[in-house]
Protein backbone atom coordinates (compact mmCIF):
# COMPACT_ATOMS: atom_id res chain seq x y z
CA UNK A 1 -19.15 75.20 75.61
CA UNK A 2 -20.01 73.68 79.06
CA UNK A 3 -16.93 75.34 80.83
CA UNK A 4 -18.57 78.89 79.19
CA UNK A 5 -21.95 77.89 80.38
CA UNK A 6 -20.98 76.66 83.97
CA UNK A 7 -18.49 80.04 84.01
CA UNK A 8 -21.88 82.38 83.25
CA UNK A 9 -23.71 80.16 86.07
CA UNK A 10 -21.08 80.79 88.41
CA UNK A 11 -20.81 84.27 87.56
CA UNK A 12 -24.77 85.12 87.76
CA UNK A 13 -24.83 83.01 91.58
CA UNK A 14 -21.62 84.98 92.28
CA UNK A 15 -23.41 88.63 91.44
CA UNK A 16 -26.68 87.51 92.91
CA UNK A 17 -25.65 86.89 96.51
CA UNK A 18 -23.65 89.89 95.97
CA UNK A 19 -26.91 92.33 94.91
CA UNK A 20 -28.66 90.12 97.39
CA UNK A 21 -26.19 91.54 100.76
CA UNK A 22 -25.62 95.14 99.05
CA UNK A 23 -29.55 95.36 98.95
CA UNK A 24 -29.21 96.30 102.15
CA UNK A 25 -27.13 99.13 103.70
CA UNK A 26 -26.53 102.81 104.70
CA UNK A 27 -28.61 104.11 101.85
CA UNK A 28 -31.80 101.74 102.89
CA UNK A 29 -32.98 99.09 101.42
CA UNK A 30 -32.53 99.46 97.48
CA UNK A 31 -35.19 97.50 95.45
CA UNK A 32 -33.71 98.18 92.54
CA UNK A 33 -30.31 95.70 93.95
CA UNK A 34 -32.66 93.51 95.27
CA UNK A 35 -34.85 92.97 91.94
CA UNK A 36 -31.58 91.87 89.92
CA UNK A 37 -30.76 90.22 92.71
CA UNK A 38 -33.69 87.73 92.13
CA UNK A 39 -33.57 87.97 88.22
CA UNK A 40 -29.77 86.88 88.38
CA UNK A 41 -30.77 84.01 90.30
CA UNK A 42 -33.44 83.24 87.50
CA UNK A 43 -30.89 83.38 85.08
CA UNK A 44 -28.69 81.06 87.09
CA UNK A 45 -31.25 78.59 87.07
CA UNK A 46 -31.92 79.18 83.24
CA UNK A 47 -28.14 78.57 82.40
CA UNK A 48 -28.09 75.61 84.36
CA UNK A 49 -31.12 73.82 83.30
CA UNK A 50 -29.55 74.64 78.98
CA UNK A 51 -26.45 73.51 80.77
CA UNK A 52 -28.50 69.79 81.93
CA UNK A 53 -30.51 69.33 78.29
CA UNK A 54 -27.17 69.82 76.52
CA UNK A 55 -24.98 67.52 78.37
CA UNK A 56 -27.28 65.73 80.47
CA UNK A 57 -25.90 61.65 79.78
CA UNK A 58 -22.53 62.22 77.80
CA UNK A 59 -20.46 61.70 80.56
CA UNK A 60 -19.37 64.70 80.99
CA UNK A 61 -20.15 64.92 85.04
CA UNK A 62 -21.78 62.60 87.31
CA UNK A 63 -24.00 65.87 88.75
CA UNK A 64 -25.04 66.82 85.38
CA UNK A 65 -25.93 62.95 84.62
CA UNK A 66 -28.49 63.37 87.19
CA UNK A 67 -30.42 65.46 84.94
CA UNK A 68 -31.09 63.17 82.26
CA UNK A 69 -34.74 64.29 81.13
CA UNK A 70 -36.22 67.78 80.36
CA UNK A 71 -38.52 67.53 83.17
CA UNK A 72 -35.48 66.95 85.39
CA UNK A 73 -33.63 69.67 83.54
CA UNK A 74 -36.49 71.95 84.32
CA UNK A 75 -36.61 71.31 87.61
CA UNK A 76 -33.41 73.27 87.70
CA UNK A 77 -35.67 76.63 86.98
CA UNK A 78 -38.70 75.13 89.26
CA UNK A 79 -35.68 75.17 92.25
CA UNK A 80 -34.42 78.70 91.14
CA UNK A 81 -37.78 80.15 91.59
CA UNK A 82 -38.51 78.35 94.65
CA UNK A 83 -35.55 79.76 96.38
CA UNK A 84 -35.77 82.73 94.92
CA UNK A 85 -39.76 82.93 96.79
CA UNK A 86 -38.52 81.56 100.00
CA UNK A 87 -36.27 84.26 99.92
CA UNK A 88 -38.11 86.73 99.29
CA UNK A 89 -41.03 85.75 101.97
CA UNK A 90 -37.73 86.06 104.32
CA UNK A 91 -36.63 89.21 103.53
CA UNK A 92 -40.30 90.40 103.67
CA UNK A 93 -41.36 88.54 107.28
CA UNK A 94 -37.55 88.74 109.19
CA UNK A 95 -35.71 91.16 107.76
CA UNK A 96 -37.25 94.08 106.34
CA UNK A 97 -39.53 94.74 109.42
CA UNK A 98 -36.32 94.54 112.03
CA UNK A 99 -34.65 96.85 109.15
CA UNK A 100 -37.36 99.13 109.26
CA UNK A 101 -37.09 99.35 113.20
CA UNK A 102 -33.58 100.78 113.44
């Protein structure tokens, strides 16, 4: 189960990066891909949170053991949402204005 959850988290994060970078292309800004890039990041945070809730304190990984309380595990979801908000702000304020001028 640990390997499965870890693999899923990695795959969703890779999907997030792929969707984010391919949201901007020759066809213009693709809102649906951009939305899905955020959703895959949120899913990554949820999977990471579940992973830490299941395995923290069991000495499976030093990194996982850091998130030894439910509050610390929930911080992973908060982190994913914060990263999403920061990325969205950067895209909205810096990337899209320059992208639309081209």
